[in-house]
Amino acid sequence: MMEPPAAAACASCRRRPLPPLLCLLLAALCLPPALGLYTVNAIYGDTITMPCPLEVPDGLMFGKWKYEMPNGSPVFIAFRSSTKKNVQYDDVPDYKDRLSLSENYTLSIKNARISDEKRFVCMLVTEDDVSEEPTIVKVFKQPSQPEILHQANLLETEKLQMLGECVSRDSYPEGNVTWYKNGRVLQPVDGVVVINLQKMVDRTTGLFTMTSSLQYMPTKEDVNAKFSCIVTYYGPSGQKTIQSEPVVFDVHYPTEKVTIQVLPQSSTIKEGDNITLKCSGNGNPPPQEFLFYIPGETEGIRSSDTYVMTDVRRNATGEYKCSLTDKSMMDSTTITVHYLDLQLTPSGEVTKQIGEALPVSCTISSSRNATVFWIKDNTRMQTSPSFSSLQYQDAGNYVCETTLQEVEGLRKRQTLKLIVEGKPQIKMTKKTNTNKMSKTIICHVEGFPKPAVQWTVTGSGSILNKTEETKYVNGKFSSKIVIAPEENVTLTCIAENELERTVTSMNVSAISIPEYDEPEDRGDDNSEKVNDQAKLIVGIVVGLLLVALIAGVVYWLYVKKSKPAGSSYLLNPPLTSNSPNLYPQSDAKGKSEKAAAQNFPSLPRTASKHVDKDLGNIEENKKLEENNHKSET
């Protein structure tokens, strides 16, 4: 078995003496390779620092660095003498101006390159020995951030197409590319996910460029999905990754469903509203044209995705449909247009006479049950108005209003302005004031339009201006005057409006004569009571007169019986044909009263005065009744 050349050289060096330097070189060749490995990791572009792994021995002559070619042959690149302290660098083009050898034999290489990834050897030579220790240099280069290039403009469902390419450049050593969707790894699936990775090296720099293409068949669920890629590479401290920016693709898919909507989205629609029908499809891109079908139309109306109806009426109630232009898909909705009608009879301004009847009706027609209520002069009424006999207080502004509670804003109202007219009606009252120094005469007036009141003194015709009037309410008011007459007077109250002129008079006694005080305010409800009181007074007076008459007759008969015949004759002389007829037969009652007064002069004078007063009151009351009767007529 033949020895290798190096072994033979070593053996010859031992057998026979050779020059020392030559033996050292031969000894270096005789050392077994890679007795111990020391590794230095370097970053591409940085400085590689390689300390000599050997301890500097005593008697060191010089030290050298070399690297080994792929075929194992050495290339010396640096020399340093321990005695002369000089450094020499071999003429190696790849390391020109890049090397530095320190006194402790540490070798530095500036601007690390991929070609520097080699096996370097440190040699320390003495007179007796040659020591060597290798160092392995590893160079790393972080790749650039990956980019997704050649992106698809859009993706169509059910179609395998190129999504894009993930490219990462200038990596060493080469890296690996992985695709992600929404943060999850995309695994290759035949016909759905196809990934192809290519790695290219730059012959000049030795750096790698990784390109991974992705073919993908999207679905509807991929809308807004985020696609990205990650490059995994090795650095001095181990494995690392760099992620690309996420990309979202426009995914197109056909329409599978059509939907119709009513805008605005309100639960109720009323007459006068504007309605917009909106038709949409769930495809991407969405359809731009549709066919709209409205009630009463057999053919669809071609339009964009909206169809507008303005000022809708109740006849717009019905089923509405929309479909794609090819009529392949359709959706429908039902629209109910709510309405509310109100008819008030009569309405507007109505003028009626007091006491007349006025039928009023408020008729409602609506799509749902409506609420109806009445308002009079801004006050809500409890019941509907009914006028069988109009009174002044019935006049006013009436409003019939109705609403649909479920339909916001659907409200109708109509108004009735009722005017109740009447001719002036007058009732007069009088009373003596508590100070006994004056009397108050009141003229109670009813009528509409409001009558104008004037006071006059009968006989003289003078007008009284110092009057007071109460507030005019419900067609009624009163006018009063305060007087202190020195003698009996007759006052006249005149009330006049556009319909008629009414006049009523009242006798007022002098202030010195007390008289019956009538109540100030007598309404229609008390008129019968007043008449009854007048009748009662008349009856009492007549009764008193009859009692006085009977007492006189009884007394006369008593005196006649107690007197002799002659005396009786003197008291009652016989009537002859020649005597005057002072007491006509028709006035028998007056004769009796007169005879009683003549035959009984001893009767008190006060009684006569009272009788005269009562008779005067009777006449006055009779006159009052006649005036009232004229006024009512």
Foldseek 3Di string as FASTA:
>chain_A
DDDPPLVVVQVVCVVDPDPLVVNQVSQVSVDDPCPDEAEWEAEAQAKTKAQAPDDADPQWAKKWKWFADPVGDIDTAKIAGPPVRDIDGDPDPVQVPQWDADPSGMIMGGRDAQVPQTKMKMWIDGSVHIDIHIYGYHYWYDKDFWDWPPADQAAEAPDWDWGTKIKIWFGPPAWDKFKDKQRHTDDDDPPAWDKDKDWDADPVRRGIMIMIIIIHHDDPVLQQIWMKMKIWGAHPVGIDIHIYGTDRHHYWYDFDAKDKDWPPPDPAAAAQAKIKIFMWTPTVVIDQWKFKDFPPDPGTDIDGRIDIDGRDDQVRFAKMKMAHPVNPYMDIDTHGYKAKDKDWPPADEDEEEFQAFDDIDIDMDIPDDKDKWKDWPNHTDPDDDGGRGHFLQVFTKMKIKIDDVVDPPHIDITIYGYHYFYWKFWDKFKDQDPVLQKIKIKIKIFGPPFWDKWKAWPPVRDTDDPWDKDDQDSRIIMIMDIGQAQAKTKMKIWTDDPPDIFIFIAIDGHSVDDDDGDDGDDDPVCPVVVVVVLVVLVVVLVVVVVVVLVVLVVVVVVVVVVDDPVVVCVLPPDDDPPDDCPQDPVRVVVVSVVSSCVVCVVPDPVVVVVNVVSVVVNVRVVVSVVRSVVSVD
